[in-house]
Protein backbone atom coordinates (compact mmCIF):
# COMPACT_ATOMS: atom_id res chain seq x y z
CA MET A 1 -16.38 5.56 -14.31
CA GLY A 2 -14.46 6.55 -11.22
CA ASN A 3 -13.01 4.75 -8.27
CA PHE A 4 -12.69 5.48 -4.56
CA PHE A 5 -9.66 7.70 -5.15
CA THR A 6 -11.28 9.90 -7.79
CA GLU A 7 -14.77 9.91 -6.26
CA GLU A 8 -13.92 10.30 -2.57
CA ILE A 9 -10.29 11.08 -1.74
CA VAL A 10 -9.68 13.78 -4.34
CA LYS A 11 -12.82 15.58 -3.17
CA ASP A 12 -12.00 15.34 0.55
CA ALA A 13 -10.87 18.48 2.42
CA ARG A 14 -7.79 16.56 3.66
CA PHE A 15 -6.56 15.79 0.13
CA GLN A 16 -3.62 18.21 0.47
CA SER A 17 -3.18 17.93 4.23
CA THR A 18 0.33 18.23 5.61
CA GLU A 19 -0.85 16.57 8.84
CA ARG A 20 -1.08 12.88 9.64
CA VAL A 21 -4.52 11.48 8.81
CA SER A 22 -5.79 8.42 10.66
CA ALA A 23 -9.40 8.55 9.46
CA SER A 24 -10.59 5.14 8.29
CA ALA A 25 -13.11 6.90 6.02
CA LEU A 26 -10.22 7.71 3.68
CA LEU A 27 -9.39 4.04 3.21
CA GLU A 28 -10.93 2.35 0.20
CA PRO A 29 -13.82 0.24 1.59
CA ILE A 30 -12.24 -3.21 1.23
CA THR A 31 -8.94 -1.93 2.65
CA ARG A 32 -10.90 -0.25 5.46
CA ALA A 33 -12.68 -3.50 6.33
CA GLY A 34 -9.39 -5.44 6.33
CA VAL A 35 -7.71 -2.88 8.60
CA ALA A 36 -10.69 -2.92 11.00
CA LYS A 37 -10.50 -6.72 11.21
CA ILE A 38 -6.74 -6.63 11.79
CA VAL A 39 -7.14 -4.15 14.65
CA GLN A 40 -9.94 -6.24 16.17
CA GLN A 41 -8.04 -9.53 15.79
CA ALA A 42 -4.82 -8.07 17.23
CA ARG A 43 -6.71 -6.83 20.26
CA ALA A 44 -8.27 -10.30 20.65
CA LEU A 45 -4.69 -11.60 20.80
CA GLY A 46 -3.95 -9.09 23.57
CA ILE A 47 -2.00 -6.70 21.33
CA ASP A 48 -3.23 -3.12 21.52
CA VAL A 49 -2.89 -1.51 18.09
CA VAL A 50 -4.23 1.52 16.27
CA ALA A 51 -4.56 2.56 12.64
CA PHE A 52 -1.94 5.28 12.95
CA GLU A 53 -1.88 6.69 9.43
CA THR A 54 -4.31 5.99 6.62
CA TYR A 55 -4.38 8.64 3.89
CA ARG A 56 -1.22 10.62 3.11
CA SER A 57 -1.07 13.57 0.74
CA LEU A 58 1.71 13.99 -1.80
CA THR A 59 2.92 17.03 0.15
CA ARG A 60 3.16 15.06 3.39
CA GLN A 61 4.86 12.17 1.58
CA ALA A 62 7.54 14.53 0.24
CA ALA A 63 8.05 16.07 3.69
CA LEU A 64 8.42 12.64 5.32
CA PHE A 65 10.93 11.67 2.63
CA ALA A 66 12.94 14.85 3.30
CA GLN A 67 12.98 13.96 7.02
CA GLY A 68 14.21 10.43 6.22
CA THR A 69 11.03 8.88 7.62
CA THR A 70 10.15 7.10 4.37
CA GLN A 71 12.06 5.80 1.37
CA VAL A 72 9.28 6.75 -1.05
CA LYS A 73 9.80 10.30 -2.31
CA THR A 74 6.60 10.88 -4.25
CA GLY A 75 3.29 9.12 -4.42
CA GLY A 76 2.88 6.18 -2.14
CA VAL A 77 -0.02 3.77 -1.76
CA HIS A 78 -1.34 5.72 1.25
CA HIS A 79 -2.25 8.54 -1.14
CA TYR A 80 -4.78 6.29 -2.89
CA GLY A 81 -6.55 5.04 0.24
CA LEU A 82 -5.04 1.59 -0.15
CA ALA A 83 -2.53 1.55 2.73
CA CYS A 84 -2.41 1.93 6.47
CA ASP A 85 0.29 1.99 9.12
CA ILE A 86 -0.85 0.00 12.14
CA VAL A 87 1.22 0.51 15.27
CA LYS A 88 1.23 -0.98 18.74
CA ILE A 89 0.24 1.11 21.72
CA VAL A 90 2.54 0.59 24.70
CA ASP A 91 2.04 2.57 27.90
CA GLY A 92 -0.47 4.76 26.07
CA ALA A 93 1.92 5.76 23.27
CA PRO A 94 2.40 4.49 19.70
CA THR A 95 5.55 2.47 19.08
CA TRP A 96 7.21 1.10 15.98
CA GLU A 97 9.54 -1.06 18.08
CA GLY A 98 9.30 -4.79 18.62
CA ASP A 99 8.10 -7.77 16.68
CA TYR A 100 5.37 -7.07 14.15
CA SER A 101 5.23 -10.53 12.59
CA PHE A 102 1.70 -10.91 13.99
CA LEU A 103 0.72 -8.10 11.59
CA GLY A 104 1.96 -10.15 8.65
CA HIS A 105 -0.24 -13.09 9.62
CA LEU A 106 -3.29 -10.89 10.21
CA ALA A 107 -2.76 -8.90 7.00
CA HIS A 108 -2.55 -12.06 4.93
CA ALA A 109 -5.66 -13.52 6.61
CA ASN A 110 -7.54 -10.33 5.72
CA GLY A 111 -6.40 -9.99 2.10
CA LEU A 112 -3.82 -7.25 2.62
CA ILE A 113 -0.13 -7.23 1.78
CA TRP A 114 2.23 -6.73 4.74
CA GLY A 115 5.23 -4.40 4.39
CA GLY A 116 7.35 -6.98 6.20
CA ASP A 117 7.36 -9.30 3.21
CA TRP A 118 5.39 -7.46 0.47
CA GLY A 119 3.35 -10.61 -0.19
CA GLN A 120 6.43 -12.71 -0.91
CA PRO A 121 7.86 -14.12 2.33
CA GLU A 122 10.29 -16.32 0.40
CA VAL A 123 12.02 -13.25 -1.10
CA ARG A 124 14.62 -11.21 0.80
CA HIS A 125 13.47 -7.59 0.62
CA SER A 126 15.79 -4.59 0.77
CA PHE A 127 13.00 -2.44 2.23
CA VAL A 128 10.88 -3.63 5.14
CA ASP A 129 8.06 -1.56 6.63
CA ALA A 130 6.80 -3.79 9.44
CA VAL A 131 3.87 -1.55 10.46
CA HIS A 132 2.53 -1.14 6.91
CA VAL A 133 -0.31 -3.00 5.17
CA GLN A 134 -1.72 -2.32 1.70
CA ARG A 135 -4.16 -3.65 -0.89
CA CYS A 136 -1.84 -3.36 -3.85
CA ILE A 137 1.15 -5.44 -4.85
CA ILE A 138 4.43 -3.73 -5.62
CA ALA A 139 4.18 -4.71 -9.30
CA ARG A 140 0.96 -2.66 -9.60
CA GLN A 141 2.22 0.50 -7.89
CA GLU A 142 3.60 2.18 -11.01
CA ALA A 143 0.24 1.79 -12.81
CA LEU A 144 -1.59 2.97 -9.67
CA PHE A 145 0.56 6.11 -9.44
CA ALA A 146 0.08 6.78 -13.17
CA GLY A 147 -3.71 6.58 -12.81
CA GLU A 148 -3.86 3.55 -15.10
CA TRP A 149 -5.04 1.01 -12.50
CA TYR A 150 -7.07 0.88 -9.30
CA PRO A 151 -8.21 -2.34 -7.60
CA GLY A 152 -11.79 -3.39 -8.18
CA PRO A 153 -13.97 -5.08 -5.59
CA ASP A 154 -12.85 -8.57 -6.70
CA TYR A 155 -9.13 -7.77 -6.65
CA ASP A 156 -7.09 -10.27 -4.62
CA PRO A 157 -3.51 -9.11 -4.10
CA TYR A 158 -2.29 -12.63 -3.31
CA GLU A 159 -3.69 -13.99 -6.58
CA ASP A 160 -2.02 -11.01 -8.27
CA VAL A 161 1.32 -11.83 -6.60
CA LYS A 162 1.07 -15.39 -7.92
CA ALA A 163 0.16 -14.21 -11.41
CA ASN A 164 2.96 -11.64 -11.49
CA VAL A 165 5.55 -14.11 -10.15
CA MET A 166 4.40 -16.71 -12.66
CA GLY A 167 4.47 -14.11 -15.44
CA ALA A 168 7.95 -12.94 -14.48
CA ALA A 169 9.16 -16.56 -14.30
CA SER A 170 7.72 -17.28 -17.77
CA ILE A 171 9.41 -14.21 -19.24
CA LEU A 172 12.72 -15.17 -17.61
CA ALA A 173 12.42 -18.75 -18.87
CA ALA A 174 11.64 -17.53 -22.40
CA HIS A 175 14.62 -15.18 -22.25
CA ARG A 176 16.91 -18.01 -21.13
CA ARG A 177 15.75 -20.14 -24.07
CA THR A 178 16.71 -17.39 -26.54
CA VAL A 179 20.15 -16.74 -25.08
């Protein structure tokens, strides 16, 4: 049984594109719906935004890394149709400048993880990507990239964050008891 990545993205003509792709059709359906709601809700707040980049090939990811545009050298959640960069439009042009905290609130309300806090606002993060949203927690990325995991229709990244934090806390507590 396949998933959106294996059934749709891999077969798409843009799979190896070196160009930026902003097509919502290359977002996994639940991610696509969340992004569409975020764009609509931001506009209702008077903030003009656009889904700037949805799918990203491995080749493009490597090129962006070489340019210093991203900190992720290979892979990336964009490659699996589970991430989108949403940027503000100011004077007709996209901008990454300014406060994007509204995106964090909208992402959370629509079941997506915001790159400003990676689903854990209480944690200080060394990497912040304020225009980025995704439907995959950081703890799942390694399995995603290895082809061992892909979110199902009932996947809730915030429940997954809680489970992973609780699991990590239990492991740490058990370790402390043995030391």
